[in-house]
Amino acid sequence: MGLMSKILGDRGGARLDEYVELDLDDIEDPAATAGVTVYIAEIDDQQDVIEIKDAVYDGHMVVADIVRLRTQDSVVEHIIDELQLVAREVNGDIVQKGDDQIIVTPSGVKIAREKLGR
């Protein structure tokens, strides 16, 4: 009997009402046991980079929105240079996704340069 038959049921197979309900109270908090936390940030100015750098140095990943900086190319370039240095120092990775996001990862996390399914 195939997996789908077990899930959906068939004549003589498993029934739909045969399932195990999971109580979320019995499951550990994933954030408490996670090795890497993904943070979302917005960069409005140079000061916002400090928290991002700290998070990456602490072993976490940051997805930063830079949409507010698009008109200030020199500031964006300086921020990207700083974050590239951080990624290099921790043996992490960094990519710019379109014109509005930068993703910075710590050591052990690589960012694929191609989309899934291609």
N, C-alpha and C. Protein backbone atom coordinates (compact mmCIF):
# COMPACT_ATOMS: atom_id res chain seq x y z
N MET A 1 0.86 -1.16 0.00
CA MET A 1 0.00 0.00 0.00
C MET A 1 0.90 1.22 0.00
N GLY A 2 0.63 2.19 -0.87
CA GLY A 2 1.42 3.40 -0.96
C GLY A 2 1.12 4.39 0.14
N LEU A 3 2.01 5.35 0.27
CA LEU A 3 1.86 6.37 1.31
C LEU A 3 0.56 7.16 1.12
N MET A 4 0.27 7.54 -0.11
CA MET A 4 -0.95 8.32 -0.36
C MET A 4 -2.20 7.51 -0.02
N SER A 5 -2.15 6.21 -0.26
CA SER A 5 -3.30 5.37 0.10
C SER A 5 -3.49 5.35 1.60
N LYS A 6 -2.36 5.33 2.34
CA LYS A 6 -2.47 5.35 3.80
C LYS A 6 -3.04 6.68 4.28
N ILE A 7 -2.62 7.76 3.64
CA ILE A 7 -3.09 9.08 4.06
C ILE A 7 -4.54 9.29 3.68
N LEU A 8 -4.85 9.03 2.41
CA LEU A 8 -6.20 9.30 1.91
C LEU A 8 -7.16 8.16 2.17
N GLY A 9 -6.61 6.98 2.38
CA GLY A 9 -7.46 5.82 2.64
C GLY A 9 -7.92 5.16 1.35
N ASP A 10 -8.17 3.90 1.43
CA ASP A 10 -8.75 3.17 0.32
C ASP A 10 -9.58 2.04 0.91
N ARG A 11 -10.20 1.27 0.09
CA ARG A 11 -11.02 0.15 0.58
C ARG A 11 -10.11 -0.83 1.32
N GLY A 12 -10.31 -0.97 2.60
CA GLY A 12 -9.51 -1.91 3.37
C GLY A 12 -8.23 -1.31 3.92
N GLY A 13 -7.91 -0.06 3.60
CA GLY A 13 -6.67 0.57 4.07
C GLY A 13 -6.92 1.40 5.31
N ALA A 14 -5.96 2.25 5.61
CA ALA A 14 -6.07 3.13 6.78
C ALA A 14 -7.20 4.13 6.56
N ARG A 15 -7.82 4.53 7.66
CA ARG A 15 -8.93 5.47 7.57
C ARG A 15 -8.43 6.88 7.87
N LEU A 16 -9.20 7.86 7.38
CA LEU A 16 -8.84 9.25 7.59
C LEU A 16 -8.81 9.64 9.06
N ASP A 17 -9.62 9.00 9.88
CA ASP A 17 -9.68 9.39 11.28
C ASP A 17 -8.60 8.73 12.14
N GLU A 18 -7.69 7.99 11.52
CA GLU A 18 -6.59 7.36 12.24
C GLU A 18 -5.36 8.25 12.15
N TYR A 19 -5.25 9.16 13.11
CA TYR A 19 -4.09 10.05 13.14
C TYR A 19 -3.72 10.33 14.57
N VAL A 20 -2.53 10.88 14.73
CA VAL A 20 -2.05 11.22 16.06
C VAL A 20 -2.02 12.73 16.16
N GLU A 21 -2.71 13.27 17.13
CA GLU A 21 -2.72 14.70 17.33
C GLU A 21 -1.51 15.10 18.15
N LEU A 22 -0.77 16.10 17.70
CA LEU A 22 0.41 16.57 18.42
C LEU A 22 0.05 17.79 19.24
N ASP A 23 0.44 17.77 20.50
CA ASP A 23 0.21 18.90 21.39
C ASP A 23 1.45 19.78 21.35
N LEU A 24 1.32 21.03 20.93
CA LEU A 24 2.47 21.92 20.82
C LEU A 24 3.14 22.19 22.15
N ASP A 25 2.43 21.97 23.25
CA ASP A 25 3.04 22.16 24.57
C ASP A 25 4.10 21.10 24.85
N ASP A 26 4.02 19.95 24.14
CA ASP A 26 4.99 18.87 24.35
C ASP A 26 6.26 19.05 23.51
N ILE A 27 6.24 20.01 22.61
CA ILE A 27 7.38 20.24 21.72
C ILE A 27 8.24 21.36 22.27
N GLU A 28 9.56 21.14 22.26
CA GLU A 28 10.48 22.18 22.74
C GLU A 28 10.37 23.41 21.86
N ASP A 29 10.64 24.55 22.45
CA ASP A 29 10.66 25.81 21.71
C ASP A 29 11.79 25.75 20.70
N PRO A 30 11.51 25.78 19.39
CA PRO A 30 12.57 25.67 18.39
C PRO A 30 13.59 26.80 18.49
N ALA A 31 13.16 27.98 18.89
CA ALA A 31 14.10 29.10 19.00
C ALA A 31 15.12 28.85 20.10
N ALA A 32 14.72 28.13 21.13
CA ALA A 32 15.63 27.85 22.24
C ALA A 32 16.70 26.84 21.86
N THR A 33 16.41 25.96 20.91
CA THR A 33 17.36 24.92 20.52
C THR A 33 18.03 25.18 19.18
N ALA A 34 17.61 26.22 18.49
CA ALA A 34 18.17 26.50 17.16
C ALA A 34 19.62 26.96 17.27
N GLY A 35 20.42 26.52 16.31
CA GLY A 35 21.81 26.96 16.27
C GLY A 35 21.92 28.32 15.61
N VAL A 36 21.08 28.58 14.63
CA VAL A 36 21.11 29.83 13.89
C VAL A 36 19.72 30.44 13.91
N THR A 37 19.65 31.72 14.24
CA THR A 37 18.39 32.45 14.19
C THR A 37 18.44 33.37 12.97
N VAL A 38 17.33 33.49 12.26
CA VAL A 38 17.25 34.39 11.12
C VAL A 38 16.58 35.68 11.58
N TYR A 39 17.32 36.77 11.47
CA TYR A 39 16.79 38.08 11.84
C TYR A 39 16.42 38.87 10.60
N ILE A 40 15.37 39.66 10.71
CA ILE A 40 14.93 40.58 9.66
C ILE A 40 15.28 41.98 10.13
N ALA A 41 15.89 42.77 9.25
CA ALA A 41 16.31 44.12 9.64
C ALA A 41 15.97 45.11 8.53
N GLU A 42 15.90 46.36 8.90
CA GLU A 42 15.77 47.46 7.94
C GLU A 42 16.96 48.38 8.15
N ILE A 43 17.59 48.74 7.07
CA ILE A 43 18.72 49.66 7.17
C ILE A 43 18.27 51.02 6.65
N ASP A 44 18.20 51.96 7.58
CA ASP A 44 17.85 53.34 7.22
C ASP A 44 19.10 54.20 7.11
N ASP A 45 20.10 53.87 7.92
CA ASP A 45 21.36 54.62 7.88
C ASP A 45 22.49 53.74 8.41
N GLN A 46 23.67 54.31 8.47
CA GLN A 46 24.87 53.59 8.86
C GLN A 46 24.76 52.97 10.26
N GLN A 47 24.04 53.60 11.17
CA GLN A 47 23.90 53.10 12.54
C GLN A 47 23.24 51.72 12.60
N ASP A 48 22.33 51.43 11.66
CA ASP A 48 21.62 50.16 11.67
C ASP A 48 22.53 48.98 11.38
N VAL A 49 23.67 49.23 10.79
CA VAL A 49 24.61 48.17 10.42
C VAL A 49 25.24 47.53 11.67
N ILE A 50 25.35 48.28 12.74
CA ILE A 50 26.00 47.78 13.96
C ILE A 50 25.28 46.55 14.50
N GLU A 51 23.95 46.61 14.60
CA GLU A 51 23.18 45.47 15.11
C GLU A 51 23.29 44.27 14.18
N ILE A 52 23.32 44.52 12.89
CA ILE A 52 23.45 43.44 11.91
C ILE A 52 24.80 42.75 12.07
N LYS A 53 25.85 43.54 12.19
CA LYS A 53 27.18 42.97 12.38
C LYS A 53 27.24 42.14 13.66
N ASP A 54 26.68 42.67 14.73
CA ASP A 54 26.68 41.94 16.00
C ASP A 54 25.97 40.59 15.87
N ALA A 55 24.82 40.59 15.19
CA ALA A 55 24.06 39.35 15.01
C ALA A 55 24.87 38.32 14.22
N VAL A 56 25.53 38.75 13.15
CA VAL A 56 26.32 37.83 12.33
C VAL A 56 27.53 37.33 13.12
N TYR A 57 28.20 38.21 13.84
CA TYR A 57 29.32 37.79 14.69
C TYR A 57 28.87 36.78 15.75
N ASP A 58 27.62 36.89 16.20
CA ASP A 58 27.08 35.95 17.18
C ASP A 58 26.60 34.65 16.55
N GLY A 59 26.74 34.51 15.22
CA GLY A 59 26.40 33.26 14.55
C GLY A 59 25.00 33.19 13.97
N HIS A 60 24.38 34.35 13.75
CA HIS A 60 23.02 34.38 13.22
C HIS A 60 22.99 34.93 11.80
N MET A 61 21.89 34.69 11.11
CA MET A 61 21.69 35.15 9.74
C MET A 61 20.79 36.38 9.75
N VAL A 62 21.07 37.33 8.82
CA VAL A 62 20.27 38.55 8.76
C VAL A 62 19.81 38.79 7.33
N VAL A 63 18.51 39.07 7.18
CA VAL A 63 17.94 39.52 5.91
C VAL A 63 17.61 40.98 6.12
N ALA A 64 18.34 41.86 5.43
CA ALA A 64 18.20 43.29 5.67
C ALA A 64 17.56 43.99 4.47
N ASP A 65 16.57 44.79 4.75
CA ASP A 65 15.87 45.59 3.75
C ASP A 65 16.63 46.90 3.58
N ILE A 66 17.07 47.18 2.35
CA ILE A 66 17.82 48.42 2.07
C ILE A 66 17.05 49.34 1.14
N VAL A 67 15.76 49.12 1.00
CA VAL A 67 14.96 49.88 0.04
C VAL A 67 15.02 51.38 0.30
N ARG A 68 15.15 51.79 1.55
CA ARG A 68 15.19 53.22 1.85
C ARG A 68 16.50 53.87 1.46
N LEU A 69 17.50 53.06 1.13
CA LEU A 69 18.82 53.60 0.79
C LEU A 69 19.08 53.64 -0.72
N ARG A 70 18.16 53.19 -1.52
CA ARG A 70 18.41 53.06 -2.96
C ARG A 70 18.85 54.35 -3.62
N THR A 71 18.41 55.47 -3.13
CA THR A 71 18.77 56.73 -3.77
C THR A 71 20.14 57.23 -3.34
N GLN A 72 20.71 56.63 -2.32
CA GLN A 72 22.00 57.05 -1.81
C GLN A 72 23.04 55.98 -2.11
N ASP A 73 23.47 55.89 -3.37
CA ASP A 73 24.36 54.82 -3.82
C ASP A 73 25.66 54.73 -3.02
N SER A 74 26.26 55.85 -2.65
CA SER A 74 27.53 55.79 -1.92
C SER A 74 27.35 55.19 -0.53
N VAL A 75 26.21 55.48 0.11
CA VAL A 75 25.93 54.91 1.43
C VAL A 75 25.71 53.41 1.30
N VAL A 76 24.96 52.99 0.29
CA VAL A 76 24.70 51.57 0.07
C VAL A 76 26.01 50.83 -0.17
N GLU A 77 26.87 51.40 -1.01
CA GLU A 77 28.16 50.77 -1.29
C GLU A 77 29.00 50.62 -0.02
N HIS A 78 29.01 51.65 0.82
CA HIS A 78 29.77 51.59 2.06
C HIS A 78 29.21 50.52 3.00
N ILE A 79 27.89 50.45 3.11
CA ILE A 79 27.25 49.45 3.96
C ILE A 79 27.54 48.05 3.44
N ILE A 80 27.44 47.85 2.15
CA ILE A 80 27.72 46.54 1.56
C ILE A 80 29.18 46.16 1.80
N ASP A 81 30.09 47.11 1.64
CA ASP A 81 31.51 46.84 1.92
C ASP A 81 31.72 46.38 3.35
N GLU A 82 31.07 47.05 4.30
CA GLU A 82 31.18 46.68 5.72
C GLU A 82 30.65 45.28 5.97
N LEU A 83 29.49 44.98 5.38
CA LEU A 83 28.89 43.66 5.60
C LEU A 83 29.67 42.56 4.89
N GLN A 84 30.29 42.86 3.75
CA GLN A 84 31.15 41.89 3.08
C GLN A 84 32.35 41.54 3.97
N LEU A 85 32.90 42.55 4.62
CA LEU A 85 34.03 42.34 5.52
C LEU A 85 33.62 41.42 6.67
N VAL A 86 32.44 41.66 7.24
CA VAL A 86 31.94 40.82 8.33
C VAL A 86 31.79 39.37 7.84
N ALA A 87 31.17 39.19 6.68
CA ALA A 87 30.96 37.84 6.13
C ALA A 87 32.29 37.13 5.92
N ARG A 88 33.29 37.85 5.42
CA ARG A 88 34.62 37.27 5.23
C ARG A 88 35.25 36.89 6.57
N GLU A 89 35.13 37.77 7.55
CA GLU A 89 35.74 37.53 8.85
C GLU A 89 35.18 36.30 9.56
N VAL A 90 33.89 36.05 9.38
CA VAL A 90 33.27 34.91 10.06
C VAL A 90 33.18 33.68 9.16
N ASN A 91 33.73 33.75 7.96
CA ASN A 91 33.63 32.66 6.98
C ASN A 91 32.19 32.39 6.60
N GLY A 92 31.41 33.45 6.49
CA GLY A 92 30.00 33.34 6.14
C GLY A 92 29.79 33.63 4.66
N ASP A 93 28.63 34.18 4.35
CA ASP A 93 28.28 34.47 2.96
C ASP A 93 27.42 35.73 2.93
N ILE A 94 27.38 36.37 1.77
CA ILE A 94 26.57 37.57 1.60
C ILE A 94 26.12 37.66 0.15
N VAL A 95 24.87 38.04 -0.05
CA VAL A 95 24.34 38.32 -1.39
C VAL A 95 23.41 39.52 -1.31
N GLN A 96 23.29 40.19 -2.45
CA GLN A 96 22.28 41.23 -2.56
C GLN A 96 21.19 40.68 -3.44
N LYS A 97 19.97 40.67 -2.92
CA LYS A 97 18.82 40.15 -3.65
C LYS A 97 18.05 41.33 -4.22
N GLY A 98 18.17 41.50 -5.51
CA GLY A 98 17.52 42.63 -6.15
C GLY A 98 18.10 43.94 -5.65
N ASP A 99 17.30 44.98 -5.70
CA ASP A 99 17.75 46.29 -5.24
C ASP A 99 17.36 46.57 -3.80
N ASP A 100 16.67 45.61 -3.17
CA ASP A 100 16.10 45.95 -1.88
C ASP A 100 16.48 45.07 -0.70
N GLN A 101 17.28 44.03 -0.90
CA GLN A 101 17.64 43.17 0.23
C GLN A 101 19.09 42.73 0.18
N ILE A 102 19.67 42.60 1.38
CA ILE A 102 20.99 42.01 1.55
C ILE A 102 20.81 40.87 2.53
N ILE A 103 21.41 39.72 2.22
CA ILE A 103 21.35 38.57 3.11
C ILE A 103 22.78 38.27 3.54
N VAL A 104 22.99 38.21 4.87
CA VAL A 104 24.32 37.94 5.42
C VAL A 104 24.21 36.73 6.33
N THR A 105 25.11 35.76 6.14
CA THR A 105 25.06 34.54 6.93
C THR A 105 26.35 34.34 7.72
N PRO A 106 26.27 33.58 8.79
CA PRO A 106 27.47 33.26 9.57
C PRO A 106 28.20 32.07 8.97
N SER A 107 29.23 31.64 9.64
CA SER A 107 30.00 30.46 9.24
C SER A 107 29.09 29.24 9.14
N GLY A 108 29.33 28.43 8.12
CA GLY A 108 28.57 27.20 7.97
C GLY A 108 27.26 27.35 7.21
N VAL A 109 26.90 28.57 6.82
CA VAL A 109 25.66 28.78 6.05
C VAL A 109 26.02 29.42 4.73
N LYS A 110 25.75 28.70 3.63
CA LYS A 110 26.04 29.19 2.29
C LYS A 110 24.73 29.59 1.63
N ILE A 111 24.76 30.64 0.83
CA ILE A 111 23.58 31.07 0.10
C ILE A 111 23.71 30.60 -1.35
N ALA A 112 22.73 29.86 -1.83
CA ALA A 112 22.74 29.39 -3.21
C ALA A 112 22.53 30.57 -4.14
N ARG A 113 23.23 30.58 -5.24
CA ARG A 113 23.13 31.69 -6.18
C ARG A 113 22.08 31.43 -7.27
N GLU A 114 21.41 30.30 -7.19
CA GLU A 114 20.36 30.01 -8.16
C GLU A 114 19.07 29.64 -7.43
N LYS A 115 17.96 29.89 -8.08
CA LYS A 115 16.66 29.60 -7.49
C LYS A 115 16.39 28.11 -7.56
N LEU A 116 15.58 27.61 -6.64
CA LEU A 116 15.17 26.22 -6.68
C LEU A 116 14.33 25.96 -7.92
N GLY A 117 14.44 24.75 -8.44
CA GLY A 117 13.61 24.37 -9.58
C GLY A 117 14.16 24.82 -10.92
N ARG A 118 15.37 25.28 -10.94
CA ARG A 118 15.94 25.71 -12.23
C ARG A 118 17.05 24.83 -12.64
